[in-house]
Amino acid sequence: MAYNKEEIFKKAKEVTVKNKLFFIEDIVSFLPCDKTTFYRFFPTDCNEYNTLKELLEVNRVELKVSMRSKWYKSNAPVLQLSLYKMIATDEERKLLSTTYSEIDHTTKGEGFNISFNDFSIDANTEE
């Protein structure tokens, strides 16, 4: 079957925008050709392929912005905390982390101090 490269490219751009696609494989599934033909027409270093990649990236960015906006307006604490972690400084992220800890060991039988965020345990062995 003979394919028209310009028509395939036009259709690829159209379905990418219309269906808000994120992956090249998704584009190919909407086209009247197989993956081999697609990559023969549009090798990864050609302008058409780069144009399609740019359209996919626009869709990804739009989705991320939309999701973050919904998280910001949400009453769900998990979504709000997730958004906060994404925009937090390293120090704030450490304070929020349940896995981050600082352990201060002493080596001469004097005890130890373990600190998890704002919670600490002192175990002194001095008598």
PDB file of N, CA and C in Angstrom:
ATOM      1  N   MET A   1       0.846  -1.175   0.000  1.00  0.00           N
ATOM      2  CA  MET A   1       0.000   0.000   0.000  1.00  0.00           C
ATOM      3  C   MET A   1       0.895   1.243   0.000  1.00  0.00           C
ATOM      4  N   ALA A   2       0.576   2.193  -0.836  1.00  0.00           N
ATOM      5  CA  ALA A   2       1.349   3.425  -0.938  1.00  0.00           C
ATOM      6  C   ALA A   2       0.813   4.447   0.067  1.00  0.00           C
ATOM      7  N   TYR A   3       1.747   5.014   0.819  1.00  0.00           N
ATOM      8  CA  TYR A   3       1.374   6.017   1.819  1.00  0.00           C
ATOM      9  C   TYR A   3       1.843   7.389   1.361  1.00  0.00           C
ATOM     10  N   ASN A   4       1.101   8.394   1.728  1.00  0.00           N
ATOM     11  CA  ASN A   4       1.465   9.766   1.432  1.00  0.00           C
ATOM     12  C   ASN A   4       2.081  10.365   2.700  1.00  0.00           C
ATOM     13  N   LYS A   5       3.365  10.659   2.641  1.00  0.00           N
ATOM     14  CA  LYS A   5       4.110  11.144   3.815  1.00  0.00           C
ATOM     15  C   LYS A   5       3.498  12.426   4.382  1.00  0.00           C
ATOM     16  N   GLU A   6       3.139  13.348   3.520  1.00  0.00           N
ATOM     17  CA  GLU A   6       2.571  14.623   3.987  1.00  0.00           C
ATOM     18  C   GLU A   6       1.230  14.404   4.691  1.00  0.00           C
ATOM     19  N   GLU A   7       0.406  13.519   4.152  1.00  0.00           N
ATOM     20  CA  GLU A   7      -0.888  13.219   4.774  1.00  0.00           C
ATOM     21  C   GLU A   7      -0.710  12.526   6.132  1.00  0.00           C
ATOM     22  N   ILE A   8       0.259  11.622   6.197  1.00  0.00           N
ATOM     23  CA  ILE A   8       0.544  10.924   7.463  1.00  0.00           C
ATOM     24  C   ILE A   8       0.991  11.937   8.512  1.00  0.00           C
ATOM     25  N   PHE A   9       1.879  12.859   8.117  1.00  0.00           N
ATOM     26  CA  PHE A   9       2.377  13.876   9.051  1.00  0.00           C
ATOM     27  C   PHE A   9       1.246  14.793   9.506  1.00  0.00           C
ATOM     28  N   LYS A  10       0.418  15.218   8.579  1.00  0.00           N
ATOM     29  CA  LYS A  10      -0.720  16.080   8.913  1.00  0.00           C
ATOM     30  C   LYS A  10      -1.645  15.375   9.906  1.00  0.00           C
ATOM     31  N   LYS A  11      -1.952  14.108   9.626  1.00  0.00           N
ATOM     32  CA  LYS A  11      -2.824  13.320  10.514  1.00  0.00           C
ATOM     33  C   LYS A  11      -2.156  13.140  11.885  1.00  0.00           C
ATOM     34  N   ALA A  12      -0.846  12.904  11.907  1.00  0.00           N
ATOM     35  CA  ALA A  12      -0.115  12.721  13.170  1.00  0.00           C
ATOM     36  C   ALA A  12      -0.223  13.972  14.042  1.00  0.00           C
ATOM     37  N   LYS A  13      -0.031  15.145  13.443  1.00  0.00           N
ATOM     38  CA  LYS A  13      -0.154  16.392  14.204  1.00  0.00           C
ATOM     39  C   LYS A  13      -1.583  16.573  14.717  1.00  0.00           C
ATOM     40  N   GLU A  14      -2.533  16.293  13.845  1.00  0.00           N
ATOM     41  CA  GLU A  14      -3.947  16.463  14.198  1.00  0.00           C
ATOM     42  C   GLU A  14      -4.345  15.580  15.387  1.00  0.00           C
ATOM     43  N   VAL A  15      -4.005  14.292  15.342  1.00  0.00           N
ATOM     44  CA  VAL A  15      -4.413  13.390  16.426  1.00  0.00           C
ATOM     45  C   VAL A  15      -3.657  13.679  17.723  1.00  0.00           C
ATOM     46  N   THR A  16      -2.438  14.181  17.603  1.00  0.00           N
ATOM     47  CA  THR A  16      -1.662  14.519  18.799  1.00  0.00           C
ATOM     48  C   THR A  16      -2.329  15.643  19.577  1.00  0.00           C
ATOM     49  N   VAL A  17      -2.742  16.663  18.871  1.00  0.00           N
ATOM     50  CA  VAL A  17      -3.392  17.810  19.513  1.00  0.00           C
ATOM     51  C   VAL A  17      -4.808  17.452  19.965  1.00  0.00           C
ATOM     52  N   LYS A  18      -5.565  16.838  19.090  1.00  0.00           N
ATOM     53  CA  LYS A  18      -6.971  16.525  19.384  1.00  0.00           C
ATOM     54  C   LYS A  18      -7.111  15.577  20.577  1.00  0.00           C
ATOM     55  N   ASN A  19      -6.262  14.559  20.661  1.00  0.00           N
ATOM     56  CA  ASN A  19      -6.371  13.537  21.696  1.00  0.00           C
ATOM     57  C   ASN A  19      -5.403  13.736  22.865  1.00  0.00           C
ATOM     58  N   LYS A  20      -4.669  14.850  22.837  1.00  0.00           N
ATOM     59  CA  LYS A  20      -3.711  15.172  23.907  1.00  0.00           C
ATOM     60  C   LYS A  20      -2.805  13.973  24.215  1.00  0.00           C
ATOM     61  N   LEU A  21      -2.127  13.510  23.180  1.00  0.00           N
ATOM     62  CA  LEU A  21      -1.269  12.335  23.305  1.00  0.00           C
ATOM     63  C   LEU A  21       0.066  12.696  23.956  1.00  0.00           C
ATOM     64  N   PHE A  22       0.735  11.654  24.516  1.00  0.00           N
ATOM     65  CA  PHE A  22       1.999  11.868  25.228  1.00  0.00           C
ATOM     66  C   PHE A  22       3.169  11.082  24.651  1.00  0.00           C
ATOM     67  N   PHE A  23       2.902  10.079  23.823  1.00  0.00           N
ATOM     68  CA  PHE A  23       3.958   9.198  23.336  1.00  0.00           C
ATOM     69  C   PHE A  23       3.842   8.988  21.831  1.00  0.00           C
ATOM     70  N   ILE A  24       4.995   8.788  21.181  1.00  0.00           N
ATOM     71  CA  ILE A  24       5.027   8.520  19.742  1.00  0.00           C
ATOM     72  C   ILE A  24       4.198   7.285  19.415  1.00  0.00           C
ATOM     73  N   GLU A  25       4.284   6.247  20.236  1.00  0.00           N
ATOM     74  CA  GLU A  25       3.530   5.016  19.990  1.00  0.00           C
ATOM     75  C   GLU A  25       2.024   5.285  19.945  1.00  0.00           C
ATOM     76  N   ASP A  26       1.573   6.247  20.765  1.00  0.00           N
ATOM     77  CA  ASP A  26       0.153   6.624  20.742  1.00  0.00           C
ATOM     78  C   ASP A  26      -0.218   7.240  19.394  1.00  0.00           C
ATOM     79  N   ILE A  27       0.670   8.082  18.883  1.00  0.00           N
ATOM     80  CA  ILE A  27       0.415   8.703  17.580  1.00  0.00           C
ATOM     81  C   ILE A  27       0.287   7.627  16.509  1.00  0.00           C
ATOM     82  N   VAL A  28       1.242   6.704  16.488  1.00  0.00           N
ATOM     83  CA  VAL A  28       1.259   5.654  15.464  1.00  0.00           C
ATOM     84  C   VAL A  28      -0.028   4.834  15.498  1.00  0.00           C
ATOM     85  N   SER A  29      -0.564   4.605  16.695  1.00  0.00           N
ATOM     86  CA  SER A  29      -1.784   3.798  16.791  1.00  0.00           C
ATOM     87  C   SER A  29      -2.987   4.467  16.113  1.00  0.00           C
ATOM     88  N   PHE A  30      -2.943   5.771  15.922  1.00  0.00           N
ATOM     89  CA  PHE A  30      -4.029   6.487  15.250  1.00  0.00           C
ATOM     90  C   PHE A  30      -3.824   6.595  13.738  1.00  0.00           C
ATOM     91  N   LEU A  31      -2.649   6.218  13.255  1.00  0.00           N
ATOM     92  CA  LEU A  31      -2.318   6.412  11.839  1.00  0.00           C
ATOM     93  C   LEU A  31      -2.628   5.174  11.000  1.00  0.00           C
ATOM     94  N   PRO A  32      -2.840   5.397   9.707  1.00  0.00           N
ATOM     95  CA  PRO A  32      -3.112   4.264   8.824  1.00  0.00           C
ATOM     96  C   PRO A  32      -1.836   3.584   8.323  1.00  0.00           C
ATOM     97  N   CYS A  33      -0.815   3.550   9.161  1.00  0.00           N
ATOM     98  CA  CYS A  33       0.434   2.873   8.810  1.00  0.00           C
ATOM     99  C   CYS A  33       0.989   2.203  10.057  1.00  0.00           C
ATOM    100  N   ASP A  34       1.962   1.333   9.868  1.00  0.00           N
ATOM    101  CA  ASP A  34       2.568   0.668  11.023  1.00  0.00           C
ATOM    102  C   ASP A  34       3.783   1.454  11.507  1.00  0.00           C
ATOM    103  N   LYS A  35       4.355   1.007  12.603  1.00  0.00           N
ATOM    104  CA  LYS A  35       5.475   1.691  13.237  1.00  0.00           C
ATOM    105  C   LYS A  35       6.697   1.768  12.309  1.00  0.00           C
ATOM    106  N   THR A  36       6.945   0.696  11.582  1.00  0.00           N
ATOM    107  CA  THR A  36       8.096   0.672  10.666  1.00  0.00           C
ATOM    108  C   THR A  36       7.976   1.756   9.611  1.00  0.00           C
ATOM    109  N   THR A  37       6.804   1.868   9.023  1.00  0.00           N
ATOM    110  CA  THR A  37       6.565   2.900   8.004  1.00  0.00           C
ATOM    111  C   THR A  37       6.694   4.288   8.617  1.00  0.00           C
ATOM    112  N   PHE A  38       6.139   4.460   9.798  1.00  0.00           N
ATOM    113  CA  PHE A  38       6.225   5.761  10.468  1.00  0.00           C
ATOM    114  C   PHE A  38       7.688   6.180  10.642  1.00  0.00           C
ATOM    115  N   TYR A  39       8.513   5.284  11.178  1.00  0.00           N
ATOM    116  CA  TYR A  39       9.917   5.630  11.414  1.00  0.00           C
ATOM    117  C   TYR A  39      10.727   5.725  10.123  1.00  0.00           C
ATOM    118  N   ARG A  40      10.298   5.077   9.066  1.00  0.00           N
ATOM    119  CA  ARG A  40      10.966   5.238   7.778  1.00  0.00           C
ATOM    120  C   ARG A  40      10.675   6.645   7.239  1.00  0.00           C
ATOM    121  N   PHE A  41       9.420   7.084   7.369  1.00  0.00           N
ATOM    122  CA  PHE A  41       9.055   8.431   6.934  1.00  0.00           C
ATOM    123  C   PHE A  41       9.656   9.512   7.833  1.00  0.00           C
ATOM    124  N   PHE A  42       9.678   9.239   9.150  1.00  0.00           N
ATOM    125  CA  PHE A  42      10.085  10.255  10.126  1.00  0.00           C
ATOM    126  C   PHE A  42      11.167   9.717  11.063  1.00  0.00           C
ATOM    127  N   PRO A  43      12.394   9.623  10.581  1.00  0.00           N
ATOM    128  CA  PRO A  43      13.479   9.162  11.459  1.00  0.00           C
ATOM    129  C   PRO A  43      13.657  10.131  12.631  1.00  0.00           C
ATOM    130  N   THR A  44      14.235   9.649  13.700  1.00  0.00           N
ATOM    131  CA  THR A  44      14.297  10.432  14.937  1.00  0.00           C
ATOM    132  C   THR A  44      15.098  11.726  14.819  1.00  0.00           C
ATOM    133  N   ASP A  45      15.833  11.914  13.752  1.00  0.00           N
ATOM    134  CA  ASP A  45      16.613  13.154  13.607  1.00  0.00           C
ATOM    135  C   ASP A  45      16.017  14.123  12.580  1.00  0.00           C
ATOM    136  N   CYS A  46      14.787  13.869  12.118  1.00  0.00           N
ATOM    137  CA  CYS A  46      14.184  14.749  11.103  1.00  0.00           C
ATOM    138  C   CYS A  46      13.316  15.830  11.754  1.00  0.00           C
ATOM    139  N   ASN A  47      13.046  16.865  11.007  1.00  0.00           N
ATOM    140  CA  ASN A  47      12.262  18.003  11.506  1.00  0.00           C
ATOM    141  C   ASN A  47      10.829  17.605  11.879  1.00  0.00           C
ATOM    142  N   GLU A  48      10.215  16.738  11.074  1.00  0.00           N
ATOM    143  CA  GLU A  48       8.840  16.323  11.356  1.00  0.00           C
ATOM    144  C   GLU A  48       8.752  15.588  12.697  1.00  0.00           C
ATOM    145  N   TYR A  49       9.687  14.693  12.929  1.00  0.00           N
ATOM    146  CA  TYR A  49       9.706  13.953  14.188  1.00  0.00           C
ATOM    147  C   TYR A  49       9.873  14.921  15.361  1.00  0.00           C
ATOM    148  N   ASN A  50      10.782  15.887  15.207  1.00  0.00           N
ATOM    149  CA  ASN A  50      10.986  16.884  16.267  1.00  0.00           C
ATOM    150  C   ASN A  50       9.741  17.727  16.496  1.00  0.00           C
ATOM    151  N   THR A  51       9.017  18.040  15.443  1.00  0.00           N
ATOM    152  CA  THR A  51       7.758  18.780  15.578  1.00  0.00           C
ATOM    153  C   THR A  51       6.754  17.974  16.394  1.00  0.00           C
ATOM    154  N   LEU A  52       6.653  16.681  16.101  1.00  0.00           N
ATOM    155  CA  LEU A  52       5.741  15.824  16.861  1.00  0.00           C
ATOM    156  C   LEU A  52       6.163  15.724  18.322  1.00  0.00           C
ATOM    157  N   LYS A  53       7.464  15.608  18.573  1.00  0.00           N
ATOM    158  CA  LYS A  53       7.954  15.560  19.952  1.00  0.00           C
ATOM    159  C   LYS A  53       7.618  16.848  20.699  1.00  0.00           C
ATOM    160  N   GLU A  54       7.716  17.979  20.026  1.00  0.00           N
ATOM    161  CA  GLU A  54       7.365  19.257  20.650  1.00  0.00           C
ATOM    162  C   GLU A  54       5.881  19.306  21.001  1.00  0.00           C
ATOM    163  N   LEU A  55       5.036  18.787  20.120  1.00  0.00           N
ATOM    164  CA  LEU A  55       3.595  18.746  20.411  1.00  0.00           C
ATOM    165  C   LEU A  55       3.305  17.838  21.608  1.00  0.00           C
ATOM    166  N   LEU A  56       3.991  16.709  21.672  1.00  0.00           N
ATOM    167  CA  LEU A  56       3.826  15.808  22.817  1.00  0.00           C
ATOM    168  C   LEU A  56       4.250  16.497  24.110  1.00  0.00           C
ATOM    169  N   GLU A  57       5.345  17.237  24.061  1.00  0.00           N
ATOM    170  CA  GLU A  57       5.831  17.938  25.258  1.00  0.00           C
ATOM    171  C   GLU A  57       4.855  19.025  25.696  1.00  0.00           C
ATOM    172  N   VAL A  58       4.250  19.728  24.750  1.00  0.00           N
ATOM    173  CA  VAL A  58       3.228  20.727  25.085  1.00  0.00           C
ATOM    174  C   VAL A  58       2.082  20.047  25.837  1.00  0.00           C
ATOM    175  N   ASN A  59       1.659  18.883  25.361  1.00  0.00           N
ATOM    176  CA  ASN A  59       0.584  18.149  26.038  1.00  0.00           C
ATOM    177  C   ASN A  59       0.990  17.753  27.452  1.00  0.00           C
ATOM    178  N   ARG A  60       2.234  17.306  27.626  1.00  0.00           N
ATOM    179  CA  ARG A  60       2.707  16.915  28.961  1.00  0.00           C
ATOM    180  C   ARG A  60       2.715  18.110  29.916  1.00  0.00           C
ATOM    181  N   VAL A  61       3.218  19.239  29.437  1.00  0.00           N
ATOM    182  CA  VAL A  61       3.293  20.437  30.278  1.00  0.00           C
ATOM    183  C   VAL A  61       1.893  20.913  30.648  1.00  0.00           C
ATOM    184  N   GLU A  62       0.987  20.922  29.692  1.00  0.00           N
ATOM    185  CA  GLU A  62      -0.391  21.338  29.976  1.00  0.00           C
ATOM    186  C   GLU A  62      -1.026  20.443  31.039  1.00  0.00           C
ATOM    187  N   LEU A  63      -0.786  19.141  30.951  1.00  0.00           N
ATOM    188  CA  LEU A  63      -1.338  18.217  31.940  1.00  0.00           C
ATOM    189  C   LEU A  63      -0.735  18.470  33.317  1.00  0.00           C
ATOM    190  N   LYS A  64       0.571  18.668  33.379  1.00  0.00           N
ATOM    191  CA  LYS A  64       1.224  18.922  34.670  1.00  0.00           C
ATOM    192  C   LYS A  64       0.679  20.194  35.319  1.00  0.00           C
ATOM    193  N   VAL A  65       0.532  21.242  34.534  1.00  0.00           N
ATOM    194  CA  VAL A  65       0.002  22.504  35.060  1.00  0.00           C
ATOM    195  C   VAL A  65      -1.425  22.304  35.558  1.00  0.00           C
ATOM    196  N   SER A  66      -2.221  21.600  34.788  1.00  0.00           N
ATOM    197  CA  SER A  66      -3.612  21.334  35.170  1.00  0.00           C
ATOM    198  C   SER A  66      -3.679  20.526  36.466  1.00  0.00           C
ATOM    199  N   MET A  67      -2.857  19.483  36.561  1.00  0.00           N
ATOM    200  CA  MET A  67      -2.860  18.654  37.767  1.00  0.00           C
ATOM    201  C   MET A  67      -2.417  19.456  38.989  1.00  0.00           C
ATOM    202  N   ARG A  68      -1.378  20.236  38.833  1.00  0.00           N
ATOM    203  CA  ARG A  68      -0.893  21.026  39.972  1.00  0.00           C
ATOM    204  C   ARG A  68      -1.936  22.044  40.413  1.00  0.00           C
ATOM    205  N   SER A  69      -2.650  22.613  39.469  1.00  0.00           N
ATOM    206  CA  SER A  69      -3.716  23.559  39.808  1.00  0.00           C
ATOM    207  C   SER A  69      -4.826  22.860  40.587  1.00  0.00           C
ATOM    208  N   LYS A  70      -5.202  21.660  40.153  1.00  0.00           N
ATOM    209  CA  LYS A  70      -6.229  20.894  40.861  1.00  0.00           C
ATOM    210  C   LYS A  70      -5.751  20.508  42.256  1.00  0.00           C
ATOM    211  N   TRP A  71      -4.474  20.135  42.372  1.00  0.00           N
ATOM    212  CA  TRP A  71      -3.927  19.773  43.683  1.00  0.00           C
ATOM    213  C   TRP A  71      -3.975  20.971  44.619  1.00  0.00           C
ATOM    214  N   TYR A  72      -3.648  22.163  44.083  1.00  0.00           N
ATOM    215  CA  TYR A  72      -3.632  23.378  44.879  1.00  0.00           C
ATOM    216  C   TYR A  72      -5.029  23.702  45.411  1.00  0.00           C
ATOM    217  N   LYS A  73      -6.039  23.511  44.579  1.00  0.00           N
ATOM    218  CA  LYS A  73      -7.416  23.831  44.960  1.00  0.00           C
ATOM    219  C   LYS A  73      -8.104  22.707  45.722  1.00  0.00           C
ATOM    220  N   SER A  74      -7.482  21.562  45.791  1.00  0.00           N
ATOM    221  CA  SER A  74      -8.092  20.385  46.406  1.00  0.00           C
ATOM    222  C   SER A  74      -8.169  20.512  47.924  1.00  0.00           C
ATOM    223  N   ASN A  75      -9.138  19.825  48.499  1.00  0.00           N
ATOM    224  CA  ASN A  75      -9.230  19.711  49.951  1.00  0.00           C
ATOM    225  C   ASN A  75      -8.591  18.424  50.451  1.00  0.00           C
ATOM    226  N   ALA A  76      -8.011  17.654  49.543  1.00  0.00           N
ATOM    227  CA  ALA A  76      -7.372  16.394  49.909  1.00  0.00           C
ATOM    228  C   ALA A  76      -5.958  16.660  50.424  1.00  0.00           C
ATOM    229  N   PRO A  77      -5.696  16.381  51.695  1.00  0.00           N
ATOM    230  CA  PRO A  77      -4.380  16.655  52.275  1.00  0.00           C
ATOM    231  C   PRO A  77      -3.240  15.962  51.534  1.00  0.00           C
ATOM    232  N   VAL A  78      -3.476  14.760  51.050  1.00  0.00           N
ATOM    233  CA  VAL A  78      -2.406  14.030  50.355  1.00  0.00           C
ATOM    234  C   VAL A  78      -1.987  14.775  49.088  1.00  0.00           C
ATOM    235  N   LEU A  79      -2.941  15.287  48.337  1.00  0.00           N
ATOM    236  CA  LEU A  79      -2.609  16.036  47.124  1.00  0.00           C
ATOM    237  C   LEU A  79      -1.904  17.337  47.458  1.00  0.00           C
ATOM    238  N   GLN A  80      -2.378  18.021  48.501  1.00  0.00           N
ATOM    239  CA  GLN A  80      -1.736  19.276  48.885  1.00  0.00           C
ATOM    240  C   GLN A  80      -0.312  19.037  49.380  1.00  0.00           C
ATOM    241  N   LEU A  81      -0.115  17.983  50.147  1.00  0.00           N
ATOM    242  CA  LEU A  81       1.219  17.657  50.640  1.00  0.00           C
ATOM    243  C   LEU A  81       2.133  17.267  49.480  1.00  0.00           C
ATOM    244  N   SER A  82       1.614  16.543  48.516  1.00  0.00           N
ATOM    245  CA  SER A  82       2.412  16.170  47.340  1.00  0.00           C
ATOM    246  C   SER A  82       2.868  17.409  46.582  1.00  0.00           C
ATOM    247  N   LEU A  83       1.964  18.346  46.395  1.00  0.00           N
ATOM    248  CA  LEU A  83       2.316  19.588  45.720  1.00  0.00           C
ATOM    249  C   LEU A  83       3.351  20.352  46.533  1.00  0.00           C
ATOM    250  N   TYR A  84       3.156  20.424  47.845  1.00  0.00           N
ATOM    251  CA  TYR A  84       4.104  21.141  48.700  1.00  0.00           C
ATOM    252  C   TYR A  84       5.494  20.521  48.595  1.00  0.00           C
ATOM    253  N   LYS A  85       5.557  19.197  48.599  1.00  0.00           N
ATOM    254  CA  LYS A  85       6.859  18.525  48.478  1.00  0.00           C
ATOM    255  C   LYS A  85       7.525  18.851  47.147  1.00  0.00           C
ATOM    256  N   MET A  86       6.720  19.004  46.104  1.00  0.00           N
ATOM    257  CA  MET A  86       7.286  19.323  44.786  1.00  0.00           C
ATOM    258  C   MET A  86       7.908  20.714  44.766  1.00  0.00           C
ATOM    259  N   ILE A  87       7.326  21.655  45.499  1.00  0.00           N
ATOM    260  CA  ILE A  87       7.805  23.041  45.433  1.00  0.00           C
ATOM    261  C   ILE A  87       8.657  23.430  46.636  1.00  0.00           C
ATOM    262  N   ALA A  88       8.829  22.523  47.574  1.00  0.00           N
ATOM    263  CA  ALA A  88       9.550  22.827  48.804  1.00  0.00           C
ATOM    264  C   ALA A  88      11.056  22.955  48.570  1.00  0.00           C
ATOM    265  N   THR A  89      11.694  23.684  49.473  1.00  0.00           N
ATOM    266  CA  THR A  89      13.151  23.742  49.472  1.00  0.00           C
ATOM    267  C   THR A  89      13.680  22.414  50.013  1.00  0.00           C
ATOM    268  N   ASP A  90      14.976  22.182  49.869  1.00  0.00           N
ATOM    269  CA  ASP A  90      15.560  20.940  50.385  1.00  0.00           C
ATOM    270  C   ASP A  90      15.361  20.822  51.892  1.00  0.00           C
ATOM    271  N   GLU A  91      15.523  21.916  52.596  1.00  0.00           N
ATOM    272  CA  GLU A  91      15.352  21.879  54.050  1.00  0.00           C
ATOM    273  C   GLU A  91      13.908  21.554  54.439  1.00  0.00           C
ATOM    274  N   GLU A  92      12.948  22.195  53.766  1.00  0.00           N
ATOM    275  CA  GLU A  92      11.539  21.902  54.046  1.00  0.00           C
ATOM    276  C   GLU A  92      11.216  20.439  53.717  1.00  0.00           C
ATOM    277  N   ARG A  93      11.774  19.957  52.616  1.00  0.00           N
ATOM    278  CA  ARG A  93      11.526  18.568  52.212  1.00  0.00           C
ATOM    279  C   ARG A  93      12.061  17.597  53.256  1.00  0.00           C
ATOM    280  N   LYS A  94      13.222  17.897  53.831  1.00  0.00           N
ATOM    281  CA  LYS A  94      13.786  17.051  54.889  1.00  0.00           C
ATOM    282  C   LYS A  94      12.894  17.049  56.120  1.00  0.00           C
ATOM    283  N   LEU A  95      12.345  18.198  56.453  1.00  0.00           N
ATOM    284  CA  LEU A  95      11.460  18.278  57.617  1.00  0.00           C
ATOM    285  C   LEU A  95      10.170  17.484  57.398  1.00  0.00           C
ATOM    286  N   LEU A  96       9.716  17.413  56.162  1.00  0.00           N
ATOM    287  CA  LEU A  96       8.499  16.675  55.850  1.00  0.00           C
ATOM    288  C   LEU A  96       8.734  15.169  55.719  1.00  0.00           C
ATOM    289  N   SER A  97       9.953  14.799  55.454  1.00  0.00           N
ATOM    290  CA  SER A  97      10.250  13.403  55.158  1.00  0.00           C
ATOM    291  C   SER A  97      10.163  12.531  56.401  1.00  0.00           C
ATOM    292  N   THR A  98       9.516  11.397  56.260  1.00  0.00           N
ATOM    293  CA  THR A  98       9.437  10.461  57.382  1.00  0.00           C
ATOM    294  C   THR A  98      10.644   9.544  57.422  1.00  0.00           C
ATOM    295  N   THR A  99      11.451   9.559  56.377  1.00  0.00           N
ATOM    296  CA  THR A  99      12.615   8.683  56.354  1.00  0.00           C
ATOM    297  C   THR A  99      13.901   9.408  56.721  1.00  0.00           C
ATOM    298  N   TYR A 100      13.875  10.731  56.724  1.00  0.00           N
ATOM    299  CA  TYR A 100      15.072  11.497  57.054  1.00  0.00           C
ATOM    300  C   TYR A 100      15.275  11.498  58.566  1.00  0.00           C
ATOM    301  N   SER A 101      16.470  11.190  59.004  1.00  0.00           N
ATOM    302  CA  SER A 101      16.763  11.214  60.435  1.00  0.00           C
ATOM    303  C   SER A 101      18.212  11.577  60.663  1.00  0.00           C
ATOM    304  N   GLU A 102      18.473  12.110  61.840  1.00  0.00           N
ATOM    305  CA  GLU A 102      19.839  12.393  62.260  1.00  0.00           C
ATOM    306  C   GLU A 102      20.097  11.576  63.507  1.00  0.00           C
ATOM    307  N   ILE A 103      21.152  10.815  63.499  1.00  0.00           N
ATOM    308  CA  ILE A 103      21.489   9.993  64.655  1.00  0.00           C
ATOM    309  C   ILE A 103      22.834  10.451  65.196  1.00  0.00           C
ATOM    310  N   ASP A 104      22.847  10.745  66.476  1.00  0.00           N
ATOM    311  CA  ASP A 104      24.064  11.168  67.148  1.00  0.00           C
ATOM    312  C   ASP A 104      24.467  10.053  68.110  1.00  0.00           C
ATOM    313  N   HIS A 105      25.531   9.356  67.796  1.00  0.00           N
ATOM    314  CA  HIS A 105      26.000   8.249  68.627  1.00  0.00           C
ATOM    315  C   HIS A 105      27.176   8.718  69.484  1.00  0.00           C
ATOM    316  N   THR A 106      27.250   8.223  70.687  1.00  0.00           N
ATOM    317  CA  THR A 106      28.469   8.386  71.473  1.00  0.00           C
ATOM    318  C   THR A 106      29.078   7.014  71.644  1.00  0.00           C
ATOM    319  N   THR A 107      30.353   6.981  71.837  1.00  0.00           N
ATOM    320  CA  THR A 107      31.031   5.684  71.805  1.00  0.00           C
ATOM    321  C   THR A 107      31.529   5.187  73.150  1.00  0.00           C
ATOM    322  N   LYS A 108      31.406   5.970  74.219  1.00  0.00           N
ATOM    323  CA  LYS A 108      31.992   5.561  75.488  1.00  0.00           C
ATOM    324  C   LYS A 108      30.936   5.239  76.529  1.00  0.00           C
ATOM    325  N   GLY A 109      29.839   4.611  76.131  1.00  0.00           N
ATOM    326  CA  GLY A 109      28.813   4.219  77.087  1.00  0.00           C
ATOM    327  C   GLY A 109      28.051   5.388  77.671  1.00  0.00           C
ATOM    328  N   GLU A 110      28.102   6.534  77.022  1.00  0.00           N
ATOM    329  CA  GLU A 110      27.424   7.720  77.538  1.00  0.00           C
ATOM    330  C   GLU A 110      25.978   7.804  77.075  1.00  0.00           C
ATOM    331  N   GLY A 111      25.535   6.939  76.163  1.00  0.00           N
ATOM    332  CA  GLY A 111      24.161   6.981  75.678  1.00  0.00           C
ATOM    333  C   GLY A 111      24.095   7.425  74.233  1.00  0.00           C
ATOM    334  N   PHE A 112      22.908   7.724  73.824  1.00  0.00           N
ATOM    335  CA  PHE A 112      22.729   8.144  72.443  1.00  0.00           C
ATOM    336  C   PHE A 112      21.524   9.055  72.339  1.00  0.00           C
ATOM    337  N   ASN A 113      21.444   9.756  71.213  1.00  0.00           N
ATOM    338  CA  ASN A 113      20.320  10.632  70.922  1.00  0.00           C
ATOM    339  C   ASN A 113      19.886  10.350  69.491  1.00  0.00           C
ATOM    340  N   ILE A 114      18.614  10.040  69.295  1.00  0.00           N
ATOM    341  CA  ILE A 114      18.063   9.832  67.953  1.00  0.00           C
ATOM    342  C   ILE A 114      16.985  10.878  67.738  1.00  0.00           C
ATOM    343  N   SER A 115      17.060  11.557  66.612  1.00  0.00           N
ATOM    344  CA  SER A 115      16.127  12.618  66.295  1.00  0.00           C
ATOM    345  C   SER A 115      15.442  12.331  64.971  1.00  0.00           C
ATOM    346  N   PHE A 116      14.104  12.291  64.977  1.00  0.00           N
ATOM    347  CA  PHE A 116      13.314  12.156  63.764  1.00  0.00           C
ATOM    348  C   PHE A 116      12.489  13.419  63.630  1.00  0.00           C
ATOM    349  N   ASN A 117      12.859  14.264  62.697  1.00  0.00           N
ATOM    350  CA  ASN A 117      12.199  15.556  62.508  1.00  0.00           C
ATOM    351  C   ASN A 117      12.156  16.285  63.859  1.00  0.00           C
ATOM    352  N   ASP A 118      10.992  16.505  64.462  1.00  0.00           N
ATOM    353  CA  ASP A 118      10.911  17.221  65.733  1.00  0.00           C
ATOM    354  C   ASP A 118      10.832  16.287  66.929  1.00  0.00           C
ATOM    355  N   PHE A 119      10.908  15.014  66.727  1.00  0.00           N
ATOM    356  CA  PHE A 119      10.798  14.020  67.789  1.00  0.00           C
ATOM    357  C   PHE A 119      12.192  13.500  68.112  1.00  0.00           C
ATOM    358  N   SER A 120      12.535  13.459  69.381  1.00  0.00           N
ATOM    359  CA  SER A 120      13.872  12.928  69.706  1.00  0.00           C
ATOM    360  C   SER A 120      13.792  11.983  70.890  1.00  0.00           C
ATOM    361  N   ILE A 121      14.758  11.073  70.938  1.00  0.00           N
ATOM    362  CA  ILE A 121      14.864  10.104  72.031  1.00  0.00           C
ATOM    363  C   ILE A 121      16.266  10.254  72.615  1.00  0.00           C
ATOM    364  N   ASP A 122      16.321  10.462  73.911  1.00  0.00           N
ATOM    365  CA  ASP A 122      17.608  10.504  74.600  1.00  0.00           C
ATOM    366  C   ASP A 122      17.695   9.260  75.481  1.00  0.00           C
ATOM    367  N   ALA A 123      18.761   8.508  75.324  1.00  0.00           N
ATOM    368  CA  ALA A 123      18.967   7.325  76.152  1.00  0.00           C
ATOM    369  C   ALA A 123      20.355   7.438  76.762  1.00  0.00           C
ATOM    370  N   ASN A 124      20.417   8.008  77.940  1.00  0.00           N
ATOM    371  CA  ASN A 124      21.692   8.169  78.608  1.00  0.00           C
ATOM    372  C   ASN A 124      21.922   6.999  79.552  1.00  0.00           C
ATOM    373  N   THR A 125      23.109   6.454  79.517  1.00  0.00           N
ATOM    374  CA  THR A 125      23.429   5.305  80.355  1.00  0.00           C
ATOM    375  C   THR A 125      24.211   5.718  81.587  1.00  0.00           C
ATOM    376  N   GLU A 126      24.339   7.016  81.793  1.00  0.00           N
ATOM    377  CA  GLU A 126      25.053   7.483  82.984  1.00  0.00           C
ATOM    378  C   GLU A 126      24.268   7.132  84.232  1.00  0.00           C
ATOM    379  N   GLU A 127      24.945   6.711  85.258  1.00  0.00           N
ATOM    380  CA  GLU A 127      24.266   6.345  86.507  1.00  0.00           C
ATOM    381  C   GLU A 127      24.616   7.287  87.583  1.00  0.00           C
TER     382      GLU A 127
END
